Amino acid sequence: PVVNIKDLGILRDVELNGDSCIVTITPTYSGCPAMKLIEDQIKS
């Protein structure tokens, strides 16, 4: 929790179009158990 998803390099890109957004992320490992939580936090 002391590092954020941007500084860790998980957050890769953002495409913004009005009130919609596509956020590109890359997991640190293909089976990283934290990715679903990260997705939910991004949406929230």
Full PDB file with SEQRES, HELIX, SHEET, SSBOND, CRYST1, ORIGX, SCALE, CONECT and MASTER records, all heavy atoms in Angstrom:
SEQRES   1 A   44  PRO VAL VAL ASN ILE LYS ASP LEU GLY ILE LEU ARG ASP          
SEQRES   2 A   44  VAL GLU LEU ASN GLY ASP SER CYS ILE VAL THR ILE THR          
SEQRES   3 A   44  PRO THR TYR SER GLY CYS PRO ALA MET LYS LEU ILE GLU          
SEQRES   4 A   44  ASP GLN ILE LYS SER                                          
HELIX    1 AA1 MET A   35  LYS A   43  1                                   9    
SHEET    1 AA1 2 LEU A  11  ASN A  17  0                                        
SHEET    2 AA1 2 SER A  20  ILE A  25 -1                                        
CRYST1    1.000    1.000    1.000  90.00  90.00  90.00 P 1           1          
ORIGX1      1.000000  0.000000  0.000000        0.00000                         
ORIGX2      0.000000  1.000000  0.000000        0.00000                         
ORIGX3      0.000000  0.000000  1.000000        0.00000                         
SCALE1      1.000000  0.000000  0.000000        0.00000                         
SCALE2      0.000000  1.000000  0.000000        0.00000                         
SCALE3      0.000000  0.000000  1.000000        0.00000                         
ATOM      1  N   PRO A   1       0.772  -1.248   0.000  1.00  0.00           N  
ATOM      2  CA  PRO A   1       0.000   0.000   0.000  1.00  0.00           C  
ATOM      3  C   PRO A   1       0.802   1.296   0.000  1.00  0.00           C  
ATOM      4  O   PRO A   1       0.214   2.359  -0.177  1.00  0.00           O  
ATOM      5  CB  PRO A   1      -0.847  -0.123   1.267  1.00  0.00           C  
ATOM      6  CG  PRO A   1      -0.126  -1.087   2.139  1.00  0.00           C  
ATOM      7  CD  PRO A   1       0.580  -2.030   1.221  1.00  0.00           C  
ATOM      8  N   VAL A   2       2.115   1.239   0.135  1.00  0.00           N  
ATOM      9  CA  VAL A   2       2.900   2.482   0.123  1.00  0.00           C  
ATOM     10  C   VAL A   2       3.225   2.943  -1.295  1.00  0.00           C  
ATOM     11  O   VAL A   2       3.732   4.045  -1.472  1.00  0.00           O  
ATOM     12  CB  VAL A   2       4.212   2.352   0.940  1.00  0.00           C  
ATOM     13  CG1 VAL A   2       3.901   2.140   2.409  1.00  0.00           C  
ATOM     14  CG2 VAL A   2       5.110   1.285   0.378  1.00  0.00           C  
ATOM     15  N   VAL A   3       2.946   2.106  -2.287  1.00  0.00           N  
ATOM     16  CA  VAL A   3       3.172   2.498  -3.678  1.00  0.00           C  
ATOM     17  C   VAL A   3       1.836   2.470  -4.424  1.00  0.00           C  
ATOM     18  O   VAL A   3       0.975   1.641  -4.133  1.00  0.00           O  
ATOM     19  CB  VAL A   3       4.213   1.606  -4.393  1.00  0.00           C  
ATOM     20  CG1 VAL A   3       5.590   1.821  -3.817  1.00  0.00           C  
ATOM     21  CG2 VAL A   3       3.845   0.151  -4.345  1.00  0.00           C  
ATOM     22  N   ASN A   4       1.702   3.378  -5.383  1.00  0.00           N  
ATOM     23  CA  ASN A   4       0.460   3.420  -6.151  1.00  0.00           C  
ATOM     24  C   ASN A   4       0.611   2.664  -7.473  1.00  0.00           C  
ATOM     25  O   ASN A   4       1.725   2.322  -7.877  1.00  0.00           O  
ATOM     26  CB  ASN A   4      -0.006   4.863  -6.362  1.00  0.00           C  
ATOM     27  CG  ASN A   4       0.948   5.666  -7.213  1.00  0.00           C  
ATOM     28  OD1 ASN A   4       1.241   5.316  -8.353  1.00  0.00           O  
ATOM     29  ND2 ASN A   4       1.443   6.780  -6.671  1.00  0.00           N  
ATOM     30  N   ILE A   5      -0.516   2.429  -8.126  1.00  0.00           N  
ATOM     31  CA  ILE A   5      -0.500   1.620  -9.343  1.00  0.00           C  
ATOM     32  C   ILE A   5       0.227   2.306 -10.496  1.00  0.00           C  
ATOM     33  O   ILE A   5       0.754   1.623 -11.374  1.00  0.00           O  
ATOM     34  CB  ILE A   5      -1.914   1.191  -9.767  1.00  0.00           C  
ATOM     35  CG1 ILE A   5      -2.807   2.390 -10.106  1.00  0.00           C  
ATOM     36  CG2 ILE A   5      -2.555   0.308  -8.698  1.00  0.00           C  
ATOM     37  CD1 ILE A   5      -4.146   2.019 -10.745  1.00  0.00           C  
ATOM     38  N   LYS A   6       0.305   3.632 -10.459  1.00  0.00           N  
ATOM     39  CA  LYS A   6       1.051   4.339 -11.506  1.00  0.00           C  
ATOM     40  C   LYS A   6       2.546   4.169 -11.288  1.00  0.00           C  
ATOM     41  O   LYS A   6       3.281   3.803 -12.208  1.00  0.00           O  
ATOM     42  CB  LYS A   6       0.678   5.823 -11.511  1.00  0.00           C  
ATOM     43  CG  LYS A   6       1.416   6.635 -12.555  1.00  0.00           C  
ATOM     44  CD  LYS A   6       0.978   8.088 -12.526  1.00  0.00           C  
ATOM     45  CE  LYS A   6       1.785   8.938 -13.445  1.00  0.00           C  
ATOM     46  NZ  LYS A   6       3.050   9.379 -12.847  1.00  0.00           N  
ATOM     47  N   ASP A   7       3.025   4.437 -10.064  1.00  0.00           N  
ATOM     48  CA  ASP A   7       4.459   4.328  -9.784  1.00  0.00           C  
ATOM     49  C   ASP A   7       4.971   2.894  -9.856  1.00  0.00           C  
ATOM     50  O   ASP A   7       6.152   2.665 -10.084  1.00  0.00           O  
ATOM     51  CB  ASP A   7       4.791   4.928  -8.416  1.00  0.00           C  
ATOM     52  CG  ASP A   7       4.780   6.447  -8.449  1.00  0.00           C  
ATOM     53  OD1 ASP A   7       4.819   7.028  -9.549  1.00  0.00           O  
ATOM     54  OD2 ASP A   7       4.739   7.057  -7.365  1.00  0.00           O  
ATOM     55  N   LEU A   8       4.080   1.931  -9.654  1.00  0.00           N  
ATOM     56  CA  LEU A   8       4.474   0.529  -9.765  1.00  0.00           C  
ATOM     57  C   LEU A   8       4.534   0.086 -11.226  1.00  0.00           C  
ATOM     58  O   LEU A   8       5.124  -0.937 -11.539  1.00  0.00           O  
ATOM     59  CB  LEU A   8       3.499  -0.359  -8.976  1.00  0.00           C  
ATOM     60  CG  LEU A   8       3.982  -1.734  -8.581  1.00  0.00           C  
ATOM     61  CD1 LEU A   8       5.315  -1.695  -7.844  1.00  0.00           C  
ATOM     62  CD2 LEU A   8       2.941  -2.427  -7.725  1.00  0.00           C  
ATOM     63  N   GLY A   9       3.952   0.880 -12.118  1.00  0.00           N  
ATOM     64  CA  GLY A   9       4.001   0.564 -13.542  1.00  0.00           C  
ATOM     65  C   GLY A   9       2.849  -0.294 -14.020  1.00  0.00           C  
ATOM     66  O   GLY A   9       2.857  -0.757 -15.161  1.00  0.00           O  
ATOM     67  N   ILE A  10       1.852  -0.499 -13.182  1.00  0.00           N  
ATOM     68  CA  ILE A  10       0.674  -1.283 -13.570  1.00  0.00           C  
ATOM     69  C   ILE A  10      -0.216  -0.463 -14.505  1.00  0.00           C  
ATOM     70  O   ILE A  10      -0.760  -0.973 -15.479  1.00  0.00           O  
ATOM     71  CB  ILE A  10      -0.111  -1.725 -12.313  1.00  0.00           C  
ATOM     72  CG1 ILE A  10       0.717  -2.720 -11.505  1.00  0.00           C  
ATOM     73  CG2 ILE A  10      -1.471  -2.306 -12.689  1.00  0.00           C  
ATOM     74  CD1 ILE A  10       0.131  -3.047 -10.141  1.00  0.00           C  
ATOM     75  N   LEU A  11      -0.375   0.818 -14.215  1.00  0.00           N  
ATOM     76  CA  LEU A  11      -1.197   1.723 -15.018  1.00  0.00           C  
ATOM     77  C   LEU A  11      -0.409   2.096 -16.271  1.00  0.00           C  
ATOM     78  O   LEU A  11       0.629   2.750 -16.189  1.00  0.00           O  
ATOM     79  CB  LEU A  11      -1.538   2.968 -14.195  1.00  0.00           C  
ATOM     80  CG  LEU A  11      -2.358   4.046 -14.876  1.00  0.00           C  
ATOM     81  CD1 LEU A  11      -3.712   3.520 -15.334  1.00  0.00           C  
ATOM     82  CD2 LEU A  11      -2.535   5.228 -13.923  1.00  0.00           C  
ATOM     83  N   ARG A  12      -0.895   1.684 -17.434  1.00  0.00           N  
ATOM     84  CA  ARG A  12      -0.135   1.866 -18.669  1.00  0.00           C  
ATOM     85  C   ARG A  12      -0.640   3.011 -19.548  1.00  0.00           C  
ATOM     86  O   ARG A  12       0.141   3.752 -20.111  1.00  0.00           O  
ATOM     87  CB  ARG A  12      -0.138   0.566 -19.492  1.00  0.00           C  
ATOM     88  CG  ARG A  12       0.424  -0.636 -18.773  1.00  0.00           C  
ATOM     89  CD  ARG A  12       1.845  -0.466 -18.262  1.00  0.00           C  
ATOM     90  NE  ARG A  12       2.734  -0.132 -19.339  1.00  0.00           N  
ATOM     91  CZ  ARG A  12       3.830   0.592 -19.195  1.00  0.00           C  
ATOM     92  NH1 ARG A  12       4.185   1.027 -18.019  1.00  0.00           N  
ATOM     93  NH2 ARG A  12       4.579   0.872 -20.227  1.00  0.00           N  
ATOM     94  N   ASP A  13      -1.970   3.112 -19.700  1.00  0.00           N  
ATOM     95  CA  ASP A  13      -2.488   4.133 -20.612  1.00  0.00           C  
ATOM     96  C   ASP A  13      -3.928   4.456 -20.269  1.00  0.00           C  
ATOM     97  O   ASP A  13      -4.599   3.691 -19.565  1.00  0.00           O  
ATOM     98  CB  ASP A  13      -2.404   3.640 -22.064  1.00  0.00           C  
ATOM     99  CG  ASP A  13      -2.556   4.755 -23.083  1.00  0.00           C  
ATOM    100  OD1 ASP A  13      -2.383   5.939 -22.718  1.00  0.00           O  
ATOM    101  OD2 ASP A  13      -2.854   4.446 -24.249  1.00  0.00           O  
ATOM    102  N   VAL A  14      -4.372   5.585 -20.796  1.00  0.00           N  
ATOM    103  CA  VAL A  14      -5.738   6.053 -20.594  1.00  0.00           C  
ATOM    104  C   VAL A  14      -6.240   6.633 -21.911  1.00  0.00           C  
ATOM    105  O   VAL A  14      -5.517   7.394 -22.557  1.00  0.00           O  
ATOM    106  CB  VAL A  14      -5.787   7.143 -19.493  1.00  0.00           C  
ATOM    107  CG1 VAL A  14      -7.127   7.836 -19.479  1.00  0.00           C  
ATOM    108  CG2 VAL A  14      -5.459   6.562 -18.136  1.00  0.00           C  
ATOM    109  N   GLU A  15      -7.437   6.244 -22.303  1.00  0.00           N  
ATOM    110  CA  GLU A  15      -8.117   6.847 -23.454  1.00  0.00           C  
ATOM    111  C   GLU A  15      -9.396   7.469 -22.916  1.00  0.00           C  
ATOM    112  O   GLU A  15     -10.231   6.764 -22.355  1.00  0.00           O  
ATOM    113  CB  GLU A  15      -8.444   5.798 -24.515  1.00  0.00           C  
ATOM    114  CG  GLU A  15      -7.241   5.140 -25.135  1.00  0.00           C  
ATOM    115  CD  GLU A  15      -7.624   3.992 -26.048  1.00  0.00           C  
ATOM    116  OE1 GLU A  15      -8.539   4.161 -26.880  1.00  0.00           O  
ATOM    117  OE2 GLU A  15      -7.019   2.920 -25.899  1.00  0.00           O  
ATOM    118  N   LEU A  16      -9.534   8.759 -23.089  1.00  0.00           N  
ATOM    119  CA  LEU A  16     -10.660   9.497 -22.524  1.00  0.00           C  
ATOM    120  C   LEU A  16     -11.534  10.018 -23.648  1.00  0.00           C  
ATOM    121  O   LEU A  16     -11.047  10.579 -24.628  1.00  0.00           O  
ATOM    122  CB  LEU A  16     -10.113  10.653 -21.683  1.00  0.00           C  
ATOM    123  CG  LEU A  16     -11.034  11.389 -20.756  1.00  0.00           C  
ATOM    124  CD1 LEU A  16     -11.673  10.432 -19.746  1.00  0.00           C  
ATOM    125  CD2 LEU A  16     -10.283  12.483 -20.030  1.00  0.00           C  
ATOM    126  N   ASN A  17     -12.850   9.821 -23.498  1.00  0.00           N  
ATOM    127  CA  ASN A  17     -13.805  10.318 -24.482  1.00  0.00           C  
ATOM    128  C   ASN A  17     -15.054  10.781 -23.749  1.00  0.00           C  
ATOM    129  O   ASN A  17     -15.955   9.983 -23.482  1.00  0.00           O  
ATOM    130  CB  ASN A  17     -14.134   9.232 -25.514  1.00  0.00           C  
ATOM    131  CG  ASN A  17     -15.012   9.746 -26.632  1.00  0.00           C  
ATOM    132  OD1 ASN A  17     -15.187  10.945 -26.792  1.00  0.00           O  
ATOM    133  ND2 ASN A  17     -15.572   8.833 -27.398  1.00  0.00           N  
ATOM    134  N   GLY A  18     -15.077  12.056 -23.361  1.00  0.00           N  
ATOM    135  CA  GLY A  18     -16.219  12.587 -22.625  1.00  0.00           C  
ATOM    136  C   GLY A  18     -16.336  11.945 -21.262  1.00  0.00           C  
ATOM    137  O   GLY A  18     -15.420  12.002 -20.460  1.00  0.00           O  
ATOM    138  N   ASP A  19     -17.500  11.313 -21.001  1.00  0.00           N  
ATOM    139  CA  ASP A  19     -17.681  10.667 -19.698  1.00  0.00           C  
ATOM    140  C   ASP A  19     -17.420   9.166 -19.757  1.00  0.00           C  
ATOM    141  O   ASP A  19     -17.882   8.409 -18.919  1.00  0.00           O  
ATOM    142  CB  ASP A  19     -19.074  10.964 -19.127  1.00  0.00           C  
ATOM    143  CG  ASP A  19     -20.185  10.274 -19.892  1.00  0.00           C  
ATOM    144  OD1 ASP A  19     -19.929   9.801 -21.017  1.00  0.00           O  
ATOM    145  OD2 ASP A  19     -21.304  10.197 -19.353  1.00  0.00           O  
ATOM    146  N   SER A  20     -16.652   8.738 -20.776  1.00  0.00           N  
ATOM    147  CA  SER A  20     -16.227   7.335 -20.832  1.00  0.00           C  
ATOM    148  C   SER A  20     -14.708   7.277 -20.923  1.00  0.00           C  
ATOM    149  O   SER A  20     -14.054   8.218 -21.368  1.00  0.00           O  
ATOM    150  CB  SER A  20     -16.870   6.598 -22.014  1.00  0.00           C  
ATOM    151  OG  SER A  20     -16.348   7.065 -23.232  1.00  0.00           O  
ATOM    152  N   CYS A  21     -14.170   6.153 -20.460  1.00  0.00           N  
ATOM    153  CA  CYS A  21     -12.720   6.039 -20.360  1.00  0.00           C  
ATOM    154  C   CYS A  21     -12.302   4.580 -20.512  1.00  0.00           C  
ATOM    155  O   CYS A  21     -12.971   3.680 -20.000  1.00  0.00           O  
ATOM    156  CB  CYS A  21     -12.277   6.574 -18.999  1.00  0.00           C  
ATOM    157  SG  CYS A  21     -10.505   6.675 -18.778  1.00  0.00           S  
ATOM    158  N   ILE A  22     -11.205   4.365 -21.227  1.00  0.00           N  
ATOM    159  CA  ILE A  22     -10.585   3.041 -21.304  1.00  0.00           C  
ATOM    160  C   ILE A  22      -9.250   3.157 -20.579  1.00  0.00           C  
ATOM    161  O   ILE A  22      -8.416   4.003 -20.911  1.00  0.00           O  
ATOM    162  CB  ILE A  22     -10.363   2.584 -22.757  1.00  0.00           C  
ATOM    163  CG1 ILE A  22     -11.684   2.489 -23.506  1.00  0.00           C  
ATOM    164  CG2 ILE A  22      -9.631   1.242 -22.785  1.00  0.00           C  
ATOM    165  CD1 ILE A  22     -11.538   2.245 -24.998  1.00  0.00           C  
ATOM    166  N   VAL A  23      -9.066   2.312 -19.572  1.00  0.00           N  
ATOM    167  CA  VAL A  23      -7.837   2.321 -18.789  1.00  0.00           C  
ATOM    168  C   VAL A  23      -7.087   1.025 -19.075  1.00  0.00           C  
ATOM    169  O   VAL A  23      -7.632  -0.063 -18.904  1.00  0.00           O  
ATOM    170  CB  VAL A  23      -8.131   2.448 -17.276  1.00  0.00           C  
ATOM    171  CG1 VAL A  23      -6.850   2.408 -16.475  1.00  0.00           C  
ATOM    172  CG2 VAL A  23      -8.910   3.719 -16.985  1.00  0.00           C  
ATOM    173  N   THR A  24      -5.861   1.160 -19.527  1.00  0.00           N  
ATOM    174  CA  THR A  24      -5.028  -0.004 -19.833  1.00  0.00           C  
ATOM    175  C   THR A  24      -4.105  -0.280 -18.655  1.00  0.00           C  
ATOM    176  O   THR A  24      -3.392   0.619 -18.192  1.00  0.00           O  
ATOM    177  CB  THR A  24      -4.197   0.245 -21.108  1.00  0.00           C  
ATOM    178  OG1 THR A  24      -5.095   0.547 -22.186  1.00  0.00           O  
ATOM    179  CG2 THR A  24      -3.367  -0.979 -21.468  1.00  0.00           C  
ATOM    180  N   ILE A  25      -4.136  -1.524 -18.181  1.00  0.00           N  
ATOM    181  CA  ILE A  25      -3.283  -1.941 -17.073  1.00  0.00           C  
ATOM    182  C   ILE A  25      -2.565  -3.240 -17.444  1.00  0.00           C  
ATOM    183  O   ILE A  25      -3.036  -4.001 -18.291  1.00  0.00           O  
ATOM    184  CB  ILE A  25      -4.068  -2.118 -15.752  1.00  0.00           C  
ATOM    185  CG1 ILE A  25      -5.223  -3.119 -15.903  1.00  0.00           C  
ATOM    186  CG2 ILE A  25      -4.583  -0.777 -15.257  1.00  0.00           C  
ATOM    187  CD1 ILE A  25      -5.997  -3.403 -14.615  1.00  0.00           C  
ATOM    188  N   THR A  26      -1.439  -3.456 -16.799  1.00  0.00           N  
ATOM    189  CA  THR A  26      -0.655  -4.677 -16.983  1.00  0.00           C  
ATOM    190  C   THR A  26      -0.359  -5.262 -15.607  1.00  0.00           C  
ATOM    191  O   THR A  26       0.173  -4.557 -14.748  1.00  0.00           O  
ATOM    192  CB  THR A  26       0.669  -4.385 -17.716  1.00  0.00           C  
ATOM    193  OG1 THR A  26       0.371  -3.855 -19.005  1.00  0.00           O  
ATOM    194  CG2 THR A  26       1.513  -5.641 -17.878  1.00  0.00           C  
ATOM    195  N   PRO A  27      -0.698  -6.533 -15.388  1.00  0.00           N  
ATOM    196  CA  PRO A  27      -0.407  -7.139 -14.087  1.00  0.00           C  
ATOM    197  C   PRO A  27       1.084  -7.388 -13.915  1.00  0.00           C  
ATOM    198  O   PRO A  27       1.805  -7.608 -14.886  1.00  0.00           O  
ATOM    199  CB  PRO A  27      -1.181  -8.455 -14.131  1.00  0.00           C  
ATOM    200  CG  PRO A  27      -1.296  -8.783 -15.578  1.00  0.00           C  
ATOM    201  CD  PRO A  27      -1.360  -7.468 -16.304  1.00  0.00           C  
ATOM    202  N   THR A  28       1.529  -7.349 -12.670  1.00  0.00           N  
ATOM    203  CA  THR A  28       2.935  -7.654 -12.399  1.00  0.00           C  
ATOM    204  C   THR A  28       3.228  -9.123 -12.685  1.00  0.00           C  
ATOM    205  O   THR A  28       4.334  -9.470 -13.071  1.00  0.00           O  
ATOM    206  CB  THR A  28       3.306  -7.326 -10.939  1.00  0.00           C  
ATOM    207  OG1 THR A  28       2.411  -8.024 -10.070  1.00  0.00           O  
ATOM    208  CG2 THR A  28       3.223  -5.837 -10.675  1.00  0.00           C  
ATOM    209  N   TYR A  29       2.241  -9.959 -12.485  1.00  0.00           N  
ATOM    210  CA  TYR A  29       2.314 -11.383 -12.818  1.00  0.00           C  
ATOM    211  C   TYR A  29       0.996 -11.747 -13.479  1.00  0.00           C  
ATOM    212  O   TYR A  29      -0.039 -11.194 -13.120  1.00  0.00           O  
ATOM    213  CB  TYR A  29       2.478 -12.249 -11.554  1.00  0.00           C  
ATOM    214  CG  TYR A  29       3.885 -12.306 -11.024  1.00  0.00           C  
ATOM    215  CD1 TYR A  29       4.368 -11.334 -10.167  1.00  0.00           C  
ATOM    216  CD2 TYR A  29       4.735 -13.349 -11.375  1.00  0.00           C  
ATOM    217  CE1 TYR A  29       5.653 -11.372  -9.673  1.00  0.00           C  
ATOM    218  CE2 TYR A  29       6.026 -13.408 -10.894  1.00  0.00           C  
ATOM    219  CZ  TYR A  29       6.482 -12.419 -10.041  1.00  0.00           C  
ATOM    220  OH  TYR A  29       7.749 -12.471  -9.570  1.00  0.00           O  
ATOM    221  N   SER A  30       1.016 -12.709 -14.392  1.00  0.00           N  
ATOM    222  CA  SER A  30      -0.213 -13.054 -15.104  1.00  0.00           C  
ATOM    223  C   SER A  30      -1.305 -13.555 -14.162  1.00  0.00           C  
ATOM    224  O   SER A  30      -2.479 -13.386 -14.440  1.00  0.00           O  
ATOM    225  CB  SER A  30       0.059 -14.078 -16.209  1.00  0.00           C  
ATOM    226  OG  SER A  30       0.595 -15.256 -15.668  1.00  0.00           O  
ATOM    227  N   GLY A  31      -0.947 -14.123 -13.051  1.00  0.00           N  
ATOM    228  CA  GLY A  31      -1.940 -14.614 -12.100  1.00  0.00           C  
ATOM    229  C   GLY A  31      -2.057 -13.754 -10.859  1.00  0.00           C  
ATOM    230  O   GLY A  31      -2.498 -14.235  -9.821  1.00  0.00           O  
ATOM    231  N   CYS A  32      -1.690 -12.491 -10.956  1.00  0.00           N  
ATOM    232  CA  CYS A  32      -1.702 -11.607  -9.786  1.00  0.00           C  
ATOM    233  C   CYS A  32      -3.110 -11.526  -9.197  1.00  0.00           C  
ATOM    234  O   CYS A  32      -4.051 -11.109  -9.883  1.00  0.00           O  
ATOM    235  CB  CYS A  32      -1.215 -10.219 -10.163  1.00  0.00           C  
ATOM    236  SG  CYS A  32      -1.254  -9.041  -8.788  1.00  0.00           S  
ATOM    237  N   PRO A  33      -3.270 -11.920  -7.930  1.00  0.00           N  
ATOM    238  CA  PRO A  33      -4.605 -11.936  -7.325  1.00  0.00           C  
ATOM    239  C   PRO A  33      -5.170 -10.551  -7.035  1.00  0.00           C  
ATOM    240  O   PRO A  33      -6.356 -10.409  -6.778  1.00  0.00           O  
ATOM    241  CB  PRO A  33      -4.381 -12.712  -6.020  1.00  0.00           C  
ATOM    242  CG  PRO A  33      -2.953 -12.498  -5.694  1.00  0.00           C  
ATOM    243  CD  PRO A  33      -2.237 -12.403  -7.014  1.00  0.00           C  
ATOM    244  N   ALA A  34      -4.349  -9.525  -7.123  1.00  0.00           N  
ATOM    245  CA  ALA A  34      -4.803  -8.170  -6.788  1.00  0.00           C  
ATOM    246  C   ALA A  34      -5.467  -7.453  -7.971  1.00  0.00           C  
ATOM    247  O   ALA A  34      -6.064  -6.397  -7.787  1.00  0.00           O  
ATOM    248  CB  ALA A  34      -3.625  -7.343  -6.292  1.00  0.00           C  
ATOM    249  N   MET A  35      -5.386  -8.008  -9.167  1.00  0.00           N  
ATOM    250  CA  MET A  35      -5.853  -7.285 -10.347  1.00  0.00           C  
ATOM    251  C   MET A  35      -7.350  -6.988 -10.338  1.00  0.00           C  
ATOM    252  O   MET A  35      -7.770  -5.906 -10.746  1.00  0.00           O  
ATOM    253  CB  MET A  35      -5.445  -8.013 -11.635  1.00  0.00           C  
ATOM    254  CG  MET A  35      -3.936  -8.063 -11.851  1.00  0.00           C  
ATOM    255  SD  MET A  35      -3.080  -6.477 -11.627  1.00  0.00           S  
ATOM    256  CE  MET A  35      -3.703  -5.532 -12.994  1.00  0.00           C  
ATOM    257  N   LYS A  36      -8.170  -7.895  -9.867  1.00  0.00           N  
ATOM    258  CA  LYS A  36      -9.614  -7.647  -9.822  1.00  0.00           C  
ATOM    259  C   LYS A  36      -9.914  -6.481  -8.885  1.00  0.00           C  
ATOM    260  O   LYS A  36     -10.723  -5.596  -9.213  1.00  0.00           O  
ATOM    261  CB  LYS A  36     -10.363  -8.908  -9.383  1.00  0.00           C  
ATOM    262  CG  LYS A  36     -11.855  -8.709  -9.168  1.00  0.00           C  
ATOM    263  CD  LYS A  36     -12.584  -8.370 -10.454  1.00  0.00           C  
ATOM    264  CE  LYS A  36     -14.088  -8.367 -10.255  1.00  0.00           C  
ATOM    265  NZ  LYS A  36     -14.721  -7.114 -10.531  1.00  0.00           N  
ATOM    266  N   LEU A  37      -9.255  -6.436  -7.746  1.00  0.00           N  
ATOM    267  CA  LEU A  37      -9.436  -5.329  -6.812  1.00  0.00           C  
ATOM    268  C   LEU A  37      -8.967  -4.016  -7.439  1.00  0.00           C  
ATOM    269  O   LEU A  37      -9.634  -2.983  -7.313  1.00  0.00           O  
ATOM    270  CB  LEU A  37      -8.698  -5.591  -5.499  1.00  0.00           C  
ATOM    271  CG  LEU A  37      -8.802  -4.501  -4.437  1.00  0.00           C  
ATOM    272  CD1 LEU A  37     -10.253  -4.210  -4.075  1.00  0.00           C  
ATOM    273  CD2 LEU A  37      -8.005  -4.895  -3.201  1.00  0.00           C  
ATOM    274  N   ILE A  38      -7.852  -4.043  -8.138  1.00  0.00           N  
ATOM    275  CA  ILE A  38      -7.340  -2.841  -8.805  1.00  0.00           C  
ATOM    276  C   ILE A  38      -8.345  -2.359  -9.852  1.00  0.00           C  
ATOM    277  O   ILE A  38      -8.633  -1.165  -9.945  1.00  0.00           O  
ATOM    278  CB  ILE A  38      -5.945  -3.090  -9.413  1.00  0.00           C  
ATOM    279  CG1 ILE A  38      -4.908  -3.261  -8.301  1.00  0.00           C  
ATOM    280  CG2 ILE A  38      -5.551  -1.964 -10.366  1.00  0.00           C  
ATOM    281  CD1 ILE A  38      -3.543  -3.730  -8.767  1.00  0.00           C  
ATOM    282  N   GLU A  39      -8.899  -3.271 -10.625  1.00  0.00           N  
ATOM    283  CA  GLU A  39      -9.928  -2.909 -11.615  1.00  0.00           C  
ATOM    284  C   GLU A  39     -11.107  -2.211 -10.937  1.00  0.00           C  
ATOM    285  O   GLU A  39     -11.579  -1.169 -11.402  1.00  0.00           O  
ATOM    286  CB  GLU A  39     -10.432  -4.149 -12.345  1.00  0.00           C  
ATOM    287  CG  GLU A  39      -9.467  -4.754 -13.320  1.00  0.00           C  
ATOM    288  CD  GLU A  39     -10.050  -5.968 -14.033  1.00  0.00           C  
ATOM    289  OE1 GLU A  39     -11.262  -5.962 -14.346  1.00  0.00           O  
ATOM    290  OE2 GLU A  39      -9.300  -6.918 -14.283  1.00  0.00           O  
ATOM    291  N   ASP A  40     -11.583  -2.803  -9.862  1.00  0.00           N  
ATOM    292  CA  ASP A  40     -12.724  -2.230  -9.125  1.00  0.00           C  
ATOM    293  C   ASP A  40     -12.391  -0.846  -8.568  1.00  0.00           C  
ATOM    294  O   ASP A  40     -13.219   0.063  -8.611  1.00  0.00           O  
ATOM    295  CB  ASP A  40     -13.155  -3.159  -7.987  1.00  0.00           C  
ATOM    296  CG  ASP A  40     -13.757  -4.472  -8.486  1.00  0.00           C  
ATOM    297  OD1 ASP A  40     -14.113  -4.562  -9.686  1.00  0.00           O  
ATOM    298  OD2 ASP A  40     -13.853  -5.411  -7.666  1.00  0.00           O  
ATOM    299  N   GLN A  41     -11.176  -0.679  -8.068  1.00  0.00           N  
ATOM    300  CA  GLN A  41     -10.767   0.619  -7.510  1.00  0.00           C  
ATOM    301  C   GLN A  41     -10.665   1.681  -8.601  1.00  0.00           C  
ATOM    302  O   GLN A  41     -11.007   2.847  -8.376  1.00  0.00           O  
ATOM    303  CB  GLN A  41      -9.448   0.481  -6.761  1.00  0.00           C  
ATOM    304  CG  GLN A  41      -9.582  -0.286  -5.465  1.00  0.00           C  
ATOM    305  CD  GLN A  41      -8.236  -0.518  -4.787  1.00  0.00           C  
ATOM    306  OE1 GLN A  41      -7.218  -0.708  -5.429  1.00  0.00           O  
ATOM    307  NE2 GLN A  41      -8.256  -0.485  -3.465  1.00  0.00           N  
ATOM    308  N   ILE A  42     -10.191   1.292  -9.781  1.00  0.00           N  
ATOM    309  CA  ILE A  42     -10.108   2.231 -10.909  1.00  0.00           C  
ATOM    310  C   ILE A  42     -11.513   2.705 -11.286  1.00  0.00           C  
ATOM    311  O   ILE A  42     -11.755   3.910 -11.427  1.00  0.00           O  
ATOM    312  CB  ILE A  42      -9.407   1.567 -12.121  1.00  0.00           C  
ATOM    313  CG1 ILE A  42      -7.909   1.394 -11.845  1.00  0.00           C  
ATOM    314  CG2 ILE A  42      -9.645   2.379 -13.394  1.00  0.00           C  
ATOM    315  CD1 ILE A  42      -7.179   0.537 -12.865  1.00  0.00           C  
ATOM    316  N   LYS A  43     -12.431   1.766 -11.421  1.00  0.00           N  
ATOM    317  CA  LYS A  43     -13.810   2.121 -11.795  1.00  0.00           C  
ATOM    318  C   LYS A  43     -14.436   3.032 -10.740  1.00  0.00           C  
ATOM    319  O   LYS A  43     -15.052   4.051 -11.075  1.00  0.00           O  
ATOM    320  CB  LYS A  43     -14.642   0.857 -11.983  1.00  0.00           C  
ATOM    321  CG  LYS A  43     -14.260   0.076 -13.224  1.00  0.00           C  
ATOM    322  CD  LYS A  43     -15.056  -1.227 -13.332  1.00  0.00           C  
ATOM    323  CE  LYS A  43     -14.605  -2.016 -14.544  1.00  0.00           C  
ATOM    324  NZ  LYS A  43     -15.300  -3.310 -14.648  1.00  0.00           N  
ATOM    325  N   SER A  44     -14.276   2.688  -9.481  1.00  0.00           N  
ATOM    326  CA  SER A  44     -14.853   3.500  -8.398  1.00  0.00           C  
ATOM    327  C   SER A  44     -14.261   4.902  -8.365  1.00  0.00           C  
ATOM    328  O   SER A  44     -14.988   5.891  -8.205  1.00  0.00           O  
ATOM    329  CB  SER A  44     -14.620   2.825  -7.048  1.00  0.00           C  
ATOM    330  OG  SER A  44     -15.339   1.621  -6.966  1.00  0.00           O  
TER     331      SER A  44                                                      
MASTER        0    0    0    1    2    0    0    6  330    1    0    4          
END                                                                             
